[in-house]
């Protein structure tokens, strides 16, 4: 992977983390340095950890995955697309949680695709 590819991935991950952290910040009633640090640690930690785990798993299982990688992408993108269409057509209002406790923060830093995975996001239960 070239430096430019790594830079593009890093920029995309940072934009994702920035957008989600802005949304979390807007949901808070009272801003404090402590809450900002907690949110930053969650997003920074997850955004650093997920590509590392993906690389390690991809490297370990590259022979198995290389034959099926396009099907994995198809299934995951289909789940995301169906979830986005369902959310767009729904009139249901989402609850705003301004808490920075573990239970409420755990689902925020996951990639946007995870918002359509019921086992990650408590709002889709």
C-alpha atoms as a PDB file:
ATOM      1  CA  UNK A   1       0.000   0.000   0.000  1.00  0.00           C
ATOM      2  CA  UNK A   2       1.470   3.331  -1.019  1.00  0.00           C
ATOM      3  CA  UNK A   3       1.762   6.439   1.136  1.00  0.00           C
ATOM      4  CA  UNK A   4      -0.999   8.165  -0.835  1.00  0.00           C
ATOM      5  CA  UNK A   5      -3.401   5.259  -0.238  1.00  0.00           C
ATOM      6  CA  UNK A   6      -2.608   5.299   3.478  1.00  0.00           C
ATOM      7  CA  UNK A   7      -3.101   9.066   3.555  1.00  0.00           C
ATOM      8  CA  UNK A   8      -6.513   8.786   1.864  1.00  0.00           C
ATOM      9  CA  UNK A   9      -7.627   6.082   4.318  1.00  0.00           C
ATOM     10  CA  UNK A  10      -6.402   8.168   7.265  1.00  0.00           C
ATOM     11  CA  UNK A  11      -8.207  11.267   5.947  1.00  0.00           C
ATOM     12  CA  UNK A  12     -11.452   9.319   5.448  1.00  0.00           C
ATOM     13  CA  UNK A  13     -11.284   7.833   8.951  1.00  0.00           C
ATOM     14  CA  UNK A  14     -10.573  11.225  10.480  1.00  0.00           C
ATOM     15  CA  UNK A  15     -13.510  12.823   8.622  1.00  0.00           C
ATOM     16  CA  UNK A  16     -15.792  10.034   9.842  1.00  0.00           C
ATOM     17  CA  UNK A  17     -14.622  10.435  13.442  1.00  0.00           C
ATOM     18  CA  UNK A  18     -14.967  14.223  13.197  1.00  0.00           C
ATOM     19  CA  UNK A  19     -18.537  14.051  11.872  1.00  0.00           C
ATOM     20  CA  UNK A  20     -19.671  11.574  14.518  1.00  0.00           C
ATOM     21  CA  UNK A  21     -17.960  13.498  17.325  1.00  0.00           C
ATOM     22  CA  UNK A  22     -19.681  16.705  16.175  1.00  0.00           C
ATOM     23  CA  UNK A  23     -23.039  14.907  16.332  1.00  0.00           C
ATOM     24  CA  UNK A  24     -22.260  13.576  19.807  1.00  0.00           C
ATOM     25  CA  UNK A  25     -21.171  17.034  20.930  1.00  0.00           C
ATOM     26  CA  UNK A  26     -24.368  18.608  19.628  1.00  0.00           C
ATOM     27  CA  UNK A  27     -26.433  16.120  21.645  1.00  0.00           C
ATOM     28  CA  UNK A  28     -24.795  17.135  24.936  1.00  0.00           C
ATOM     29  CA  UNK A  29     -26.635  19.543  27.220  1.00  0.00           C
ATOM     30  CA  UNK A  30     -23.484  20.762  28.994  1.00  0.00           C
ATOM     31  CA  UNK A  31     -20.008  20.779  27.493  1.00  0.00           C
ATOM     32  CA  UNK A  32     -16.989  20.033  29.661  1.00  0.00           C
ATOM     33  CA  UNK A  33     -13.332  19.208  29.090  1.00  0.00           C
ATOM     34  CA  UNK A  34     -13.831  15.819  30.786  1.00  0.00           C
ATOM     35  CA  UNK A  35     -16.685  14.831  28.460  1.00  0.00           C
ATOM     36  CA  UNK A  36     -14.765  16.078  25.412  1.00  0.00           C
ATOM     37  CA  UNK A  37     -11.752  13.986  26.454  1.00  0.00           C
ATOM     38  CA  UNK A  38     -13.927  10.885  26.943  1.00  0.00           C
ATOM     39  CA  UNK A  39     -15.536  11.309  23.515  1.00  0.00           C
ATOM     40  CA  UNK A  40     -12.130  11.947  21.899  1.00  0.00           C
ATOM     41  CA  UNK A  41     -10.610   8.849  23.495  1.00  0.00           C
ATOM     42  CA  UNK A  42     -13.487   6.667  22.326  1.00  0.00           C
ATOM     43  CA  UNK A  43     -13.376   7.919  18.739  1.00  0.00           C
ATOM     44  CA  UNK A  44      -9.586   8.095  18.479  1.00  0.00           C
ATOM     45  CA  UNK A  45      -9.140   4.677  20.063  1.00  0.00           C
ATOM     46  CA  UNK A  46     -11.709   2.959  17.869  1.00  0.00           C
ATOM     47  CA  UNK A  47     -10.499   4.667  14.684  1.00  0.00           C
ATOM     48  CA  UNK A  48      -6.934   3.515  15.437  1.00  0.00           C
ATOM     49  CA  UNK A  49      -7.905   0.035  16.594  1.00  0.00           C
ATOM     50  CA  UNK A  50     -10.285  -1.013  13.817  1.00  0.00           C
ATOM     51  CA  UNK A  51      -7.858  -0.677  10.863  1.00  0.00           C
ATOM     52  CA  UNK A  52      -5.181  -2.485  12.888  1.00  0.00           C
ATOM     53  CA  UNK A  53      -7.529  -5.377  13.668  1.00  0.00           C
ATOM     54  CA  UNK A  54      -8.688  -5.464  10.037  1.00  0.00           C
ATOM     55  CA  UNK A  55      -5.104  -5.608   8.811  1.00  0.00           C
ATOM     56  CA  UNK A  56      -4.155  -8.389  11.224  1.00  0.00           C
ATOM     57  CA  UNK A  57      -7.221 -10.493  10.378  1.00  0.00           C
ATOM     58  CA  UNK A  58      -6.835  -9.862   6.653  1.00  0.00           C
ATOM     59  CA  UNK A  59      -3.188 -10.837   6.774  1.00  0.00           C
ATOM     60  CA  UNK A  60      -3.896 -14.027   8.748  1.00  0.00           C
ATOM     61  CA  UNK A  61      -6.753 -15.193   6.522  1.00  0.00           C
ATOM     62  CA  UNK A  62      -5.670 -13.751   3.152  1.00  0.00           C
ATOM     63  CA  UNK A  63      -5.827 -17.111   1.334  1.00  0.00           C
ATOM     64  CA  UNK A  64      -9.380 -17.828   2.503  1.00  0.00           C
ATOM     65  CA  UNK A  65     -10.661 -14.278   2.107  1.00  0.00           C
ATOM     66  CA  UNK A  66      -9.171 -13.566  -1.314  1.00  0.00           C
ATOM     67  CA  UNK A  67     -11.498 -16.070  -2.968  1.00  0.00           C
ATOM     68  CA  UNK A  68     -14.601 -14.648  -1.275  1.00  0.00           C
ATOM     69  CA  UNK A  69     -13.726 -10.976  -0.705  1.00  0.00           C
ATOM     70  CA  UNK A  70     -16.161  -9.661  -3.309  1.00  0.00           C
ATOM     71  CA  UNK A  71     -19.026 -11.586  -1.666  1.00  0.00           C
ATOM     72  CA  UNK A  72     -18.156 -10.180   1.765  1.00  0.00           C
ATOM     73  CA  UNK A  73     -18.221  -6.673   0.286  1.00  0.00           C
ATOM     74  CA  UNK A  74     -21.519  -7.367  -1.487  1.00  0.00           C
ATOM     75  CA  UNK A  75     -23.231  -8.659   1.667  1.00  0.00           C
ATOM     76  CA  UNK A  76     -21.938  -5.856   3.904  1.00  0.00           C
ATOM     77  CA  UNK A  77     -22.828  -3.112   1.426  1.00  0.00           C
ATOM     78  CA  UNK A  78     -26.262  -4.683   0.922  1.00  0.00           C
ATOM     79  CA  UNK A  79     -26.900  -4.641   4.681  1.00  0.00           C
ATOM     80  CA  UNK A  80     -25.820  -1.005   4.847  1.00  0.00           C
ATOM     81  CA  UNK A  81     -27.937  -0.007   1.841  1.00  0.00           C
ATOM     82  CA  UNK A  82     -31.062  -1.804   3.040  1.00  0.00           C
ATOM     83  CA  UNK A  83     -30.668  -0.248   6.480  1.00  0.00           C
ATOM     84  CA  UNK A  84     -30.236   3.230   5.012  1.00  0.00           C
ATOM     85  CA  UNK A  85     -33.325   2.833   2.824  1.00  0.00           C
ATOM     86  CA  UNK A  86     -35.322   1.547   5.801  1.00  0.00           C
ATOM     87  CA  UNK A  87     -34.179   4.500   7.942  1.00  0.00           C
ATOM     88  CA  UNK A  88     -34.982   7.016   5.198  1.00  0.00           C
ATOM     89  CA  UNK A  89     -38.510   5.656   4.793  1.00  0.00           C
ATOM     90  CA  UNK A  90     -39.145   5.491   8.549  1.00  0.00           C
ATOM     91  CA  UNK A  91     -40.962   8.281  10.376  1.00  0.00           C
ATOM     92  CA  UNK A  92     -39.495   7.147  13.686  1.00  0.00           C
ATOM     93  CA  UNK A  93     -37.578   9.775  15.644  1.00  0.00           C
ATOM     94  CA  UNK A  94     -34.224   8.785  17.097  1.00  0.00           C
ATOM     95  CA  UNK A  95     -33.551   9.288  20.782  1.00  0.00           C
ATOM     96  CA  UNK A  96     -30.779  11.728  21.660  1.00  0.00           C
ATOM     97  CA  UNK A  97     -28.523  10.469  24.456  1.00  0.00           C
ATOM     98  CA  UNK A  98     -26.090  13.006  25.871  1.00  0.00           C
ATOM     99  CA  UNK A  99     -24.511  10.557  28.321  1.00  0.00           C
ATOM    100  CA  UNK A 100     -20.822   9.682  28.061  1.00  0.00           C
ATOM    101  CA  UNK A 101     -21.123   6.438  30.048  1.00  0.00           C
ATOM    102  CA  UNK A 102     -19.768   3.196  28.602  1.00  0.00           C
ATOM    103  CA  UNK A 103     -23.168   1.783  27.688  1.00  0.00           C
ATOM    104  CA  UNK A 104     -24.239   4.852  25.703  1.00  0.00           C
ATOM    105  CA  UNK A 105     -20.811   5.543  24.151  1.00  0.00           C
ATOM    106  CA  UNK A 106     -19.961   2.019  23.003  1.00  0.00           C
ATOM    107  CA  UNK A 107     -21.997   2.088  19.771  1.00  0.00           C
ATOM    108  CA  UNK A 108     -20.976   5.630  18.658  1.00  0.00           C
ATOM    109  CA  UNK A 109     -17.394   5.103  17.382  1.00  0.00           C
ATOM    110  CA  UNK A 110     -18.208   2.084  15.217  1.00  0.00           C
ATOM    111  CA  UNK A 111     -18.191   2.643  11.484  1.00  0.00           C
ATOM    112  CA  UNK A 112     -21.402   4.050   9.997  1.00  0.00           C
ATOM    113  CA  UNK A 113     -22.318   0.606   8.693  1.00  0.00           C
ATOM    114  CA  UNK A 114     -22.729  -0.601  12.254  1.00  0.00           C
ATOM    115  CA  UNK A 115     -25.720   1.667  12.810  1.00  0.00           C
ATOM    116  CA  UNK A 116     -27.684  -0.898  10.804  1.00  0.00           C
ATOM    117  CA  UNK A 117     -26.380  -3.854  12.805  1.00  0.00           C
ATOM    118  CA  UNK A 118     -28.836  -4.535  15.636  1.00  0.00           C
ATOM    119  CA  UNK A 119     -26.188  -6.083  17.899  1.00  0.00           C
ATOM    120  CA  UNK A 120     -24.116  -2.855  17.906  1.00  0.00           C
ATOM    121  CA  UNK A 121     -26.628  -0.025  17.957  1.00  0.00           C
ATOM    122  CA  UNK A 122     -29.183  -0.029  20.776  1.00  0.00           C
ATOM    123  CA  UNK A 123     -31.472   2.342  18.852  1.00  0.00           C
ATOM    124  CA  UNK A 124     -32.479  -0.419  16.401  1.00  0.00           C
ATOM    125  CA  UNK A 125     -33.640  -2.994  18.915  1.00  0.00           C
END
